[in-house]
Amino acid sequence: MDGSVAYLLAATGCLVAVAGVVTAVLAQRRTRRRPTGERVAGDPLRDRDADALRGDPRRLKPGDLVEVRGGVTYAVRGSVRLVEGAWSWTEHLLDDADGVRRWLSVEEDPELELVLWAAEPGTTITPGAPTIDFAGRRYRWNESGRARYTAVGTTGLDPNGTLRYHDYQASGGARLSFEAYGDAGWEVARGERLHRSEVMIYPQGEVA
């Protein structure tokens, strides 16, 4: 009888151990399936004083004005919200008084990141290589993926659709981006990261 009890206890212990291993493996698989850009609910160290004084980039919308580096003031012509799994970010089409257009991307990872982009039309390079030499810089691959978007205002895009992208970075924080909306070809842009203090936002109320 004692031997049978001991056998049952040993068998039960083995089953518990196996179940623990299976649970750990499944948990690991679930972790690997999470989007690499999964964000937390919000940054607990967010600088709300800066938002109050300089405007909140997270709340930008068509019609608002954006002053960059105390010099050029742009109007927000349109906005594109992109979602990839649990990760989301926004790109705003800016237009100044001379008709010069830029894109401003806004995302949290979890800290706020602002990047001002300038299109490079006519560029024939394509993404995919680990490194790309362009305009005297060497850019290294950073991330790529596919997202769904919703566009409002004037953007030149359909109201919603899909986006493919490849992002590269160079030393000093310079960026190189390849984006393809829907079935369109690759559009190339160079970007520079902006410090929070270099951006002032003037909300203009709701746009009809």
Protein backbone atom coordinates (compact mmCIF):
# COMPACT_ATOMS: atom_id res chain seq x y z
CA MET A 1 0.00 0.00 0.00
CA ASP A 2 2.78 2.43 0.94
CA GLY A 3 4.53 1.61 -2.33
CA SER A 4 1.39 2.35 -4.34
CA VAL A 5 0.91 5.68 -2.60
CA ALA A 6 4.52 6.61 -3.23
CA TYR A 7 4.11 5.66 -6.92
CA LEU A 8 0.96 7.77 -7.23
CA LEU A 9 2.64 10.75 -5.59
CA ALA A 10 5.64 10.45 -7.89
CA ALA A 11 3.42 10.18 -10.97
CA THR A 12 1.39 13.19 -9.87
CA GLY A 13 4.58 15.19 -9.38
CA CYS A 14 5.74 14.31 -12.89
CA LEU A 15 2.41 15.41 -14.38
CA VAL A 16 2.59 18.73 -12.52
CA ALA A 17 6.13 19.28 -13.77
CA VAL A 18 5.13 18.50 -17.38
CA ALA A 19 2.13 20.84 -17.11
CA GLY A 20 4.42 23.56 -15.85
CA VAL A 21 6.76 23.12 -18.80
CA VAL A 22 3.85 23.20 -21.28
CA THR A 23 2.46 26.34 -19.65
CA ALA A 24 5.84 28.04 -19.83
CA VAL A 25 6.25 27.12 -23.51
CA LEU A 26 2.77 28.43 -24.38
CA ALA A 27 3.44 31.64 -22.48
CA GLN A 28 6.69 32.07 -24.37
CA ARG A 29 4.91 31.52 -27.70
CA ARG A 30 2.27 34.08 -26.81
CA THR A 31 5.02 36.56 -25.99
CA ARG A 32 6.70 35.98 -29.36
CA ARG A 33 3.40 36.61 -31.13
CA ARG A 34 2.95 40.02 -29.56
CA PRO A 35 3.70 42.94 -31.90
CA THR A 36 7.30 44.11 -31.41
CA GLY A 37 6.00 47.65 -31.01
CA GLU A 38 3.42 46.93 -28.31
CA ARG A 39 2.94 50.04 -26.21
CA VAL A 40 2.10 50.55 -22.58
CA ALA A 41 -1.11 52.39 -21.64
CA GLY A 42 0.74 55.66 -21.12
CA ASP A 43 3.98 57.19 -19.93
CA PRO A 44 3.72 57.88 -16.16
CA LEU A 45 6.57 60.41 -16.51
CA ARG A 46 4.85 62.34 -19.29
CA ASP A 47 5.71 66.05 -19.20
CA ARG A 48 2.24 67.53 -18.81
CA ASP A 49 3.67 71.01 -18.12
CA ALA A 50 5.22 71.03 -21.60
CA ASP A 51 1.88 69.92 -23.06
CA ALA A 52 0.14 72.80 -21.30
CA LEU A 53 2.71 75.39 -22.38
CA ARG A 54 3.54 74.19 -25.90
CA GLY A 55 0.46 72.20 -26.89
CA ASP A 56 0.04 68.44 -26.99
CA PRO A 57 1.35 66.82 -30.22
CA ARG A 58 -0.81 63.78 -29.49
CA ARG A 59 -3.91 65.93 -30.07
CA LEU A 60 -2.87 67.49 -33.39
CA LYS A 61 -5.59 67.64 -36.05
CA PRO A 62 -6.23 69.23 -39.44
CA GLY A 63 -6.43 73.01 -39.16
CA ASP A 64 -4.01 73.35 -36.24
CA LEU A 65 -0.79 75.35 -36.61
CA VAL A 66 2.68 73.96 -35.80
CA GLU A 67 5.75 76.14 -35.29
CA VAL A 68 9.07 74.32 -35.66
CA ARG A 69 12.26 75.59 -34.02
CA GLY A 70 10.85 79.05 -33.46
CA GLY A 71 10.91 79.77 -37.18
CA VAL A 72 8.63 78.17 -39.76
CA THR A 73 4.92 77.87 -39.01
CA TYR A 74 3.00 75.10 -40.75
CA ALA A 75 -0.71 74.40 -41.07
CA VAL A 76 -1.85 70.81 -40.58
CA ARG A 77 -3.54 69.89 -43.88
CA GLY A 78 -4.42 66.32 -42.99
CA SER A 79 -3.66 63.49 -40.58
CA VAL A 80 -3.12 59.76 -40.96
CA ARG A 81 -3.56 57.42 -38.01
CA LEU A 82 -1.82 54.07 -38.39
CA VAL A 83 -2.37 50.91 -36.38
CA GLU A 84 -0.24 47.77 -36.34
CA GLY A 85 -1.37 45.27 -33.73
CA ALA A 86 -1.23 47.05 -30.36
CA TRP A 87 1.01 49.79 -31.77
CA SER A 88 -0.34 53.04 -33.20
CA TRP A 89 1.17 56.31 -34.39
CA THR A 90 0.12 59.38 -36.37
CA GLU A 91 1.55 61.26 -39.34
CA HIS A 92 0.46 64.82 -40.14
CA LEU A 93 0.83 66.58 -43.49
CA LEU A 94 2.19 70.11 -42.88
CA ASP A 95 2.12 73.04 -45.32
CA ASP A 96 3.82 76.42 -44.84
CA ALA A 97 3.05 79.84 -46.39
CA ASP A 98 5.36 79.11 -49.34
CA GLY A 99 3.70 75.80 -50.11
CA VAL A 100 6.57 73.71 -48.74
CA ARG A 101 5.22 70.43 -47.42
CA ARG A 102 6.55 68.22 -44.67
CA TRP A 103 5.25 65.28 -42.65
CA LEU A 104 5.40 65.20 -38.85
CA SER A 105 5.21 61.78 -37.22
CA VAL A 106 4.08 61.49 -33.60
CA GLU A 107 4.45 58.31 -31.56
CA GLU A 108 5.12 57.09 -28.03
CA ASP A 109 7.55 54.26 -27.30
CA PRO A 110 6.73 54.97 -24.44
CA GLU A 111 8.42 58.39 -24.59
CA LEU A 112 7.09 60.93 -27.07
CA GLU A 113 9.00 60.95 -30.37
CA LEU A 114 8.58 63.68 -33.00
CA VAL A 115 10.19 63.37 -36.44
CA LEU A 116 9.99 65.94 -39.24
CA TRP A 117 10.13 64.34 -42.70
CA ALA A 118 10.99 65.73 -46.13
CA ALA A 119 10.05 63.76 -49.26
CA GLU A 120 12.78 62.69 -51.68
CA PRO A 121 10.89 62.49 -55.01
CA GLY A 122 12.56 60.80 -57.92
CA THR A 123 14.69 58.57 -55.69
CA THR A 124 15.18 55.14 -57.25
CA ILE A 125 16.58 53.23 -54.25
CA THR A 126 14.44 50.46 -52.77
CA PRO A 127 14.27 49.03 -49.23
CA GLY A 128 15.29 45.63 -47.97
CA ALA A 129 19.07 45.78 -47.63
CA PRO A 130 20.63 45.80 -44.12
CA THR A 131 22.30 49.15 -44.92
CA ILE A 132 21.62 51.88 -47.48
CA ASP A 133 23.96 54.69 -48.51
CA PHE A 134 22.03 57.83 -49.40
CA ALA A 135 22.94 61.54 -49.62
CA GLY A 136 26.32 61.02 -47.96
CA ARG A 137 25.03 58.94 -45.03
CA ARG A 138 24.90 55.26 -44.26
CA TYR A 139 21.54 54.16 -42.89
CA ARG A 140 20.97 50.87 -41.09
CA TRP A 141 17.70 48.92 -41.09
CA ASN A 142 15.62 49.53 -37.96
CA GLU A 143 12.16 48.06 -38.49
CA SER A 144 9.57 47.17 -41.11
CA GLY A 145 5.97 46.02 -41.22
CA ARG A 146 2.45 46.57 -42.45
CA ALA A 147 -0.22 48.75 -40.84
CA ARG A 148 -3.79 49.86 -41.46
CA TYR A 149 -4.53 53.56 -41.70
CA THR A 150 -7.38 56.05 -41.45
CA ALA A 151 -6.92 59.45 -43.11
CA VAL A 152 -8.74 62.72 -42.40
CA GLY A 153 -8.39 66.15 -43.97
CA THR A 154 -6.26 66.65 -47.09
CA THR A 155 -3.65 63.91 -47.47
CA GLY A 156 -4.01 62.67 -51.05
CA LEU A 157 -4.90 59.22 -49.68
CA ASP A 158 -8.06 57.15 -49.59
CA PRO A 159 -9.99 57.49 -46.30
CA ASN A 160 -8.59 54.12 -45.18
CA GLY A 161 -6.31 51.39 -46.43
CA THR A 162 -2.99 49.67 -45.76
CA LEU A 163 0.62 50.79 -45.55
CA ARG A 164 3.89 48.89 -45.96
CA TYR A 165 7.01 50.49 -44.51
CA HIS A 166 10.75 50.07 -43.97
CA ASP A 167 12.56 52.41 -41.57
CA TYR A 168 16.30 53.04 -41.42
CA GLN A 169 18.47 55.11 -39.05
CA ALA A 170 21.90 56.72 -39.33
CA SER A 171 24.28 57.98 -36.67
CA GLY A 172 23.06 61.13 -34.98
CA GLY A 173 19.42 60.05 -35.23
CA ALA A 174 18.87 60.79 -38.94
CA ARG A 175 16.07 58.72 -40.46
CA LEU A 176 15.27 57.26 -43.87
CA SER A 177 11.79 55.91 -44.52
CA PHE A 178 10.17 53.91 -47.31
CA GLU A 179 6.37 53.85 -47.39
CA ALA A 180 3.94 52.29 -49.86
CA TYR A 181 0.21 52.98 -49.49
CA GLY A 182 -2.04 50.30 -50.94
CA ASP A 183 -0.68 49.10 -54.29
CA ALA A 184 1.38 52.27 -54.90
CA GLY A 185 5.15 52.22 -55.24
CA TRP A 186 7.67 53.19 -52.59
CA GLU A 187 7.86 56.80 -51.43
CA VAL A 188 11.16 57.84 -49.84
CA ALA A 189 11.61 60.49 -47.14
CA ARG A 190 14.43 61.66 -44.92
CA GLY A 191 13.64 62.58 -41.32
CA GLU A 192 15.19 64.41 -38.40
CA ARG A 193 14.12 63.97 -34.81
CA LEU A 194 12.80 67.07 -33.07
CA HIS A 195 13.22 67.88 -29.40
CA ARG A 196 9.95 68.53 -27.60
CA SER A 197 10.99 72.17 -26.98
CA GLU A 198 11.40 72.74 -30.75
CA VAL A 199 7.70 72.29 -31.44
CA MET A 200 4.93 74.74 -30.54
CA ILE A 201 1.31 73.90 -31.31
CA TYR A 202 -1.55 76.35 -31.76
CA PRO A 203 -4.90 74.51 -31.73
CA GLN A 204 -7.45 76.11 -34.05
CA GLY A 205 -10.66 74.49 -32.82
CA GLU A 206 -12.74 71.88 -34.59
CA VAL A 207 -12.62 71.64 -38.37
CA ALA A 208 -15.96 71.15 -40.11
